[in-house]
Amino acid sequence: MVPVLLVLLLVLLLFGAGFAIKILWWIALAVLIMWLLGFLFRSTGSGGSRGRWYRW
Protein backbone atom coordinates (compact mmCIF):
# COMPACT_ATOMS: atom_id res chain seq x y z
CA MET A 1 0.00 0.00 0.00
CA VAL A 2 2.81 2.44 0.85
CA PRO A 3 4.64 1.98 -2.50
CA VAL A 4 1.41 2.67 -4.39
CA LEU A 5 0.88 5.88 -2.39
CA LEU A 6 4.49 6.93 -3.03
CA VAL A 7 4.11 6.36 -6.76
CA LEU A 8 0.85 8.30 -6.83
CA LEU A 9 2.47 11.13 -4.89
CA LEU A 10 5.40 11.18 -7.32
CA VAL A 11 3.04 11.29 -10.31
CA LEU A 12 1.09 14.13 -8.72
CA LEU A 13 4.27 16.12 -8.05
CA LEU A 14 5.60 15.61 -11.57
CA PHE A 15 2.26 16.54 -13.12
CA GLY A 16 2.04 19.69 -10.98
CA ALA A 17 5.62 20.71 -11.81
CA GLY A 18 5.05 20.17 -15.51
CA PHE A 19 1.88 22.25 -15.45
CA ALA A 20 3.58 25.05 -13.49
CA ILE A 21 6.54 25.10 -15.87
CA LYS A 22 4.22 25.26 -18.88
CA ILE A 23 2.34 28.20 -17.33
CA LEU A 24 5.64 29.97 -16.62
CA TRP A 25 6.69 29.57 -20.26
CA TRP A 26 3.43 31.20 -21.42
CA ILE A 27 3.90 34.06 -18.92
CA ALA A 28 7.49 34.57 -20.09
CA LEU A 29 6.33 34.64 -23.72
CA ALA A 30 3.66 37.25 -22.93
CA VAL A 31 6.19 39.44 -21.10
CA LEU A 32 8.63 39.15 -24.01
CA ILE A 33 5.94 40.23 -26.50
CA MET A 34 4.95 43.20 -24.31
CA TRP A 35 8.61 44.23 -23.96
CA LEU A 36 9.16 44.02 -27.73
CA LEU A 37 6.02 46.07 -28.41
CA GLY A 38 7.17 48.69 -25.90
CA PHE A 39 10.58 48.76 -27.57
CA LEU A 40 9.09 49.20 -31.06
CA PHE A 41 6.36 51.72 -30.20
CA ARG A 42 8.21 53.93 -27.73
CA SER A 43 7.35 57.61 -27.83
CA THR A 44 9.61 60.36 -29.09
CA GLY A 45 11.31 62.80 -26.76
CA SER A 46 11.03 66.59 -26.68
CA GLY A 47 13.87 67.02 -29.20
CA GLY A 48 12.26 64.67 -31.71
CA SER A 49 14.66 61.84 -30.88
CA ARG A 50 13.54 58.64 -29.32
CA GLY A 51 13.93 58.32 -25.57
CA ARG A 52 15.44 55.49 -23.63
CA TRP A 53 13.69 52.16 -24.14
CA TYR A 54 13.93 51.37 -20.44
CA ARG A 55 12.21 53.12 -17.53
CA TRP A 56 14.99 53.43 -14.94
PDB file of N, CA and C in Angstrom:
ATOM      1  N   MET A   1       0.821  -1.193   0.000  1.00  0.00           N
ATOM      2  CA  MET A   1       0.000   0.000   0.000  1.00  0.00           C
ATOM      3  C   MET A   1       0.872   1.267   0.000  1.00  0.00           C
ATOM      4  N   VAL A   2       1.930   1.274   0.774  1.00  0.00           N
ATOM      5  CA  VAL A   2       2.809   2.441   0.849  1.00  0.00           C
ATOM      6  C   VAL A   2       3.500   2.714  -0.492  1.00  0.00           C
ATOM      7  N   PRO A   3       4.025   1.685  -1.196  1.00  0.00           N
ATOM      8  CA  PRO A   3       4.640   1.980  -2.502  1.00  0.00           C
ATOM      9  C   PRO A   3       3.645   2.576  -3.502  1.00  0.00           C
ATOM     10  N   VAL A   4       2.424   2.125  -3.470  1.00  0.00           N
ATOM     11  CA  VAL A   4       1.409   2.670  -4.386  1.00  0.00           C
ATOM     12  C   VAL A   4       1.165   4.143  -4.063  1.00  0.00           C
ATOM     13  N   LEU A   5       1.073   4.476  -2.784  1.00  0.00           N
ATOM     14  CA  LEU A   5       0.883   5.876  -2.394  1.00  0.00           C
ATOM     15  C   LEU A   5       2.090   6.724  -2.781  1.00  0.00           C
ATOM     16  N   LEU A   6       3.290   6.197  -2.642  1.00  0.00           N
ATOM     17  CA  LEU A   6       4.494   6.935  -3.030  1.00  0.00           C
ATOM     18  C   LEU A   6       4.527   7.188  -4.533  1.00  0.00           C
ATOM     19  N   VAL A   7       4.137   6.190  -5.306  1.00  0.00           N
ATOM     20  CA  VAL A   7       4.113   6.356  -6.759  1.00  0.00           C
ATOM     21  C   VAL A   7       3.057   7.382  -7.149  1.00  0.00           C
ATOM     22  N   LEU A   8       1.893   7.316  -6.529  1.00  0.00           N
ATOM     23  CA  LEU A   8       0.848   8.299  -6.832  1.00  0.00           C
ATOM     24  C   LEU A   8       1.283   9.706  -6.434  1.00  0.00           C
ATOM     25  N   LEU A   9       1.966   9.834  -5.298  1.00  0.00           N
ATOM     26  CA  LEU A   9       2.472  11.133  -4.887  1.00  0.00           C
ATOM     27  C   LEU A   9       3.519  11.656  -5.862  1.00  0.00           C
ATOM     28  N   LEU A  10       4.383  10.784  -6.345  1.00  0.00           N
ATOM     29  CA  LEU A  10       5.398  11.182  -7.321  1.00  0.00           C
ATOM     30  C   LEU A  10       4.751  11.625  -8.631  1.00  0.00           C
ATOM     31  N   VAL A  11       3.751  10.905  -9.090  1.00  0.00           N
ATOM     32  CA  VAL A  11       3.043  11.286 -10.310  1.00  0.00           C
ATOM     33  C   VAL A  11       2.365  12.644 -10.132  1.00  0.00           C
ATOM     34  N   LEU A  12       1.754  12.853  -8.982  1.00  0.00           N
ATOM     35  CA  LEU A  12       1.090  14.126  -8.716  1.00  0.00           C
ATOM     36  C   LEU A  12       2.092  15.278  -8.698  1.00  0.00           C
ATOM     37  N   LEU A  13       3.239  15.082  -8.088  1.00  0.00           N
ATOM     38  CA  LEU A  13       4.272  16.118  -8.045  1.00  0.00           C
ATOM     39  C   LEU A  13       4.810  16.424  -9.441  1.00  0.00           C
ATOM     40  N   LEU A  14       5.079  15.397 -10.224  1.00  0.00           N
ATOM     41  CA  LEU A  14       5.604  15.614 -11.570  1.00  0.00           C
ATOM     42  C   LEU A  14       4.580  16.290 -12.470  1.00  0.00           C
ATOM     43  N   PHE A  15       3.315  15.910 -12.330  1.00  0.00           N
ATOM     44  CA  PHE A  15       2.259  16.542 -13.122  1.00  0.00           C
ATOM     45  C   PHE A  15       2.133  18.013 -12.737  1.00  0.00           C
ATOM     46  N   GLY A  16       2.147  18.312 -11.446  1.00  0.00           N
ATOM     47  CA  GLY A  16       2.040  19.691 -10.980  1.00  0.00           C
ATOM     48  C   GLY A  16       3.219  20.528 -11.438  1.00  0.00           C
ATOM     49  N   ALA A  17       4.430  19.976 -11.372  1.00  0.00           N
ATOM     50  CA  ALA A  17       5.621  20.713 -11.806  1.00  0.00           C
ATOM     51  C   ALA A  17       5.566  20.972 -13.312  1.00  0.00           C
ATOM     52  N   GLY A  18       5.155  19.995 -14.064  1.00  0.00           N
ATOM     53  CA  GLY A  18       5.053  20.174 -15.515  1.00  0.00           C
ATOM     54  C   GLY A  18       4.030  21.229 -15.885  1.00  0.00           C
ATOM     55  N   PHE A  19       2.910  21.248 -15.188  1.00  0.00           N
ATOM     56  CA  PHE A  19       1.879  22.249 -15.445  1.00  0.00           C
ATOM     57  C   PHE A  19       2.380  23.637 -15.079  1.00  0.00           C
ATOM     58  N   ALA A  20       3.060  23.752 -13.931  1.00  0.00           N
ATOM     59  CA  ALA A  20       3.578  25.048 -13.493  1.00  0.00           C
ATOM     60  C   ALA A  20       4.635  25.557 -14.463  1.00  0.00           C
ATOM     61  N   ILE A  21       5.493  24.689 -14.930  1.00  0.00           N
ATOM     62  CA  ILE A  21       6.543  25.097 -15.868  1.00  0.00           C
ATOM     63  C   ILE A  21       5.925  25.553 -17.187  1.00  0.00           C
ATOM     64  N   LYS A  22       4.877  24.865 -17.632  1.00  0.00           N
ATOM     65  CA  LYS A  22       4.221  25.261 -18.876  1.00  0.00           C
ATOM     66  C   LYS A  22       3.571  26.631 -18.723  1.00  0.00           C
ATOM     67  N   ILE A  23       2.934  26.889 -17.589  1.00  0.00           N
ATOM     68  CA  ILE A  23       2.336  28.198 -17.330  1.00  0.00           C
ATOM     69  C   ILE A  23       3.413  29.277 -17.302  1.00  0.00           C
ATOM     70  N   LEU A  24       4.565  28.986 -16.678  1.00  0.00           N
ATOM     71  CA  LEU A  24       5.644  29.969 -16.620  1.00  0.00           C
ATOM     72  C   LEU A  24       6.189  30.285 -18.007  1.00  0.00           C
ATOM     73  N   TRP A  25       6.238  29.305 -18.892  1.00  0.00           N
ATOM     74  CA  TRP A  25       6.687  29.568 -20.261  1.00  0.00           C
ATOM     75  C   TRP A  25       5.723  30.509 -20.972  1.00  0.00           C
ATOM     76  N   TRP A  26       4.416  30.326 -20.778  1.00  0.00           N
ATOM     77  CA  TRP A  26       3.435  31.201 -21.417  1.00  0.00           C
ATOM     78  C   TRP A  26       3.525  32.617 -20.855  1.00  0.00           C
ATOM     79  N   ILE A  27       3.756  32.738 -19.529  1.00  0.00           N
ATOM     80  CA  ILE A  27       3.903  34.063 -18.923  1.00  0.00           C
ATOM     81  C   ILE A  27       5.152  34.753 -19.466  1.00  0.00           C
ATOM     82  N   ALA A  28       6.250  33.997 -19.570  1.00  0.00           N
ATOM     83  CA  ALA A  28       7.492  34.568 -20.095  1.00  0.00           C
ATOM     84  C   ALA A  28       7.310  35.023 -21.543  1.00  0.00           C
ATOM     85  N   LEU A  29       6.584  34.269 -22.332  1.00  0.00           N
ATOM     86  CA  LEU A  29       6.335  34.645 -23.719  1.00  0.00           C
ATOM     87  C   LEU A  29       5.494  35.925 -23.799  1.00  0.00           C
ATOM     88  N   ALA A  30       4.485  36.046 -22.939  1.00  0.00           N
ATOM     89  CA  ALA A  30       3.655  37.252 -22.928  1.00  0.00           C
ATOM     90  C   ALA A  30       4.478  38.471 -22.522  1.00  0.00           C
ATOM     91  N   VAL A  31       5.348  38.321 -21.524  1.00  0.00           N
ATOM     92  CA  VAL A  31       6.192  39.442 -21.097  1.00  0.00           C
ATOM     93  C   VAL A  31       7.163  39.836 -22.206  1.00  0.00           C
ATOM     94  N   LEU A  32       7.721  38.865 -22.907  1.00  0.00           N
ATOM     95  CA  LEU A  32       8.635  39.152 -24.012  1.00  0.00           C
ATOM     96  C   LEU A  32       7.922  39.927 -25.117  1.00  0.00           C
ATOM     97  N   ILE A  33       6.706  39.537 -25.453  1.00  0.00           N
ATOM     98  CA  ILE A  33       5.944  40.234 -26.497  1.00  0.00           C
ATOM     99  C   ILE A  33       5.630  41.662 -26.065  1.00  0.00           C
ATOM    100  N   MET A  34       5.238  41.849 -24.788  1.00  0.00           N
ATOM    101  CA  MET A  34       4.951  43.202 -24.314  1.00  0.00           C
ATOM    102  C   MET A  34       6.209  44.060 -24.317  1.00  0.00           C
ATOM    103  N   TRP A  35       7.347  43.479 -23.960  1.00  0.00           N
ATOM    104  CA  TRP A  35       8.612  44.233 -23.962  1.00  0.00           C
ATOM    105  C   TRP A  35       8.987  44.635 -25.389  1.00  0.00           C
ATOM    106  N   LEU A  36       8.837  43.704 -26.342  1.00  0.00           N
ATOM    107  CA  LEU A  36       9.157  44.024 -27.732  1.00  0.00           C
ATOM    108  C   LEU A  36       8.232  45.104 -28.289  1.00  0.00           C
ATOM    109  N   LEU A  37       6.950  45.036 -27.950  1.00  0.00           N
ATOM    110  CA  LEU A  37       6.019  46.073 -28.408  1.00  0.00           C
ATOM    111  C   LEU A  37       6.375  47.424 -27.794  1.00  0.00           C
ATOM    112  N   GLY A  38       6.746  47.448 -26.531  1.00  0.00           N
ATOM    113  CA  GLY A  38       7.173  48.694 -25.900  1.00  0.00           C
ATOM    114  C   GLY A  38       8.446  49.227 -26.522  1.00  0.00           C
ATOM    115  N   PHE A  39       9.334  48.345 -26.927  1.00  0.00           N
ATOM    116  CA  PHE A  39      10.577  48.757 -27.575  1.00  0.00           C
ATOM    117  C   PHE A  39      10.308  49.339 -28.961  1.00  0.00           C
ATOM    118  N   LEU A  40       9.380  48.744 -29.692  1.00  0.00           N
ATOM    119  CA  LEU A  40       9.094  49.195 -31.057  1.00  0.00           C
ATOM    120  C   LEU A  40       8.251  50.461 -31.091  1.00  0.00           C
ATOM    121  N   PHE A  41       7.306  50.602 -30.169  1.00  0.00           N
ATOM    122  CA  PHE A  41       6.360  51.719 -30.205  1.00  0.00           C
ATOM    123  C   PHE A  41       6.634  52.743 -29.113  1.00  0.00           C
ATOM    124  N   ARG A  42       7.892  52.931 -28.756  1.00  0.00           N
ATOM    125  CA  ARG A  42       8.215  53.926 -27.726  1.00  0.00           C
ATOM    126  C   ARG A  42       7.992  55.335 -28.281  1.00  0.00           C
ATOM    127  N   SER A  43       7.666  56.244 -27.396  1.00  0.00           N
ATOM    128  CA  SER A  43       7.346  57.608 -27.829  1.00  0.00           C
ATOM    129  C   SER A  43       8.626  58.406 -28.067  1.00  0.00           C
ATOM    130  N   THR A  44       8.463  59.490 -28.811  1.00  0.00           N
ATOM    131  CA  THR A  44       9.606  60.362 -29.094  1.00  0.00           C
ATOM    132  C   THR A  44       9.785  61.363 -27.964  1.00  0.00           C
ATOM    133  N   GLY A  45      11.009  61.831 -27.807  1.00  0.00           N
ATOM    134  CA  GLY A  45      11.310  62.797 -26.762  1.00  0.00           C
ATOM    135  C   GLY A  45      10.982  64.214 -27.197  1.00  0.00           C
ATOM    136  N   SER A  46      11.352  65.196 -26.371  1.00  0.00           N
ATOM    137  CA  SER A  46      11.030  66.592 -26.676  1.00  0.00           C
ATOM    138  C   SER A  46      11.840  67.104 -27.864  1.00  0.00           C
ATOM    139  N   GLY A  47      13.043  66.573 -28.091  1.00  0.00           N
ATOM    140  CA  GLY A  47      13.868  67.020 -29.203  1.00  0.00           C
ATOM    141  C   GLY A  47      13.593  66.277 -30.492  1.00  0.00           C
ATOM    142  N   GLY A  48      12.572  65.434 -30.512  1.00  0.00           N
ATOM    143  CA  GLY A  48      12.262  64.672 -31.713  1.00  0.00           C
ATOM    144  C   GLY A  48      12.971  63.337 -31.760  1.00  0.00           C
ATOM    145  N   SER A  49      13.954  63.131 -30.892  1.00  0.00           N
ATOM    146  CA  SER A  49      14.656  61.841 -30.875  1.00  0.00           C
ATOM    147  C   SER A  49      13.930  60.881 -29.941  1.00  0.00           C
ATOM    148  N   ARG A  50      14.177  59.642 -30.162  1.00  0.00           N
ATOM    149  CA  ARG A  50      13.540  58.640 -29.318  1.00  0.00           C
ATOM    150  C   ARG A  50      14.224  58.597 -27.955  1.00  0.00           C
ATOM    151  N   GLY A  51      13.415  58.387 -26.930  1.00  0.00           N
ATOM    152  CA  GLY A  51      13.932  58.316 -25.570  1.00  0.00           C
ATOM    153  C   GLY A  51      14.540  56.960 -25.291  1.00  0.00           C
ATOM    154  N   ARG A  52      14.904  56.782 -24.055  1.00  0.00           N
ATOM    155  CA  ARG A  52      15.435  55.489 -23.633  1.00  0.00           C
ATOM    156  C   ARG A  52      14.334  54.453 -23.715  1.00  0.00           C
ATOM    157  N   TRP A  53      14.701  53.225 -24.035  1.00  0.00           N
ATOM    158  CA  TRP A  53      13.689  52.163 -24.145  1.00  0.00           C
ATOM    159  C   TRP A  53      13.437  51.500 -22.806  1.00  0.00           C
ATOM    160  N   TYR A  54      14.155  51.907 -21.774  1.00  0.00           N
ATOM    161  CA  TYR A  54      13.926  51.369 -20.438  1.00  0.00           C
ATOM    162  C   TYR A  54      13.426  52.485 -19.529  1.00  0.00           C
ATOM    163  N   ARG A  55      12.870  52.147 -18.403  1.00  0.00           N
ATOM    164  CA  ARG A  55      12.212  53.124 -17.531  1.00  0.00           C
ATOM    165  C   ARG A  55      13.110  53.663 -16.427  1.00  0.00           C
ATOM    166  N   TRP A  56      14.197  52.980 -16.079  1.00  0.00           N
ATOM    167  CA  TRP A  56      14.990  53.433 -14.939  1.00  0.00           C
ATOM    168  C   TRP A  56      16.136  54.307 -15.352  1.00  0.00           C
TER     169      TRP A  56
END
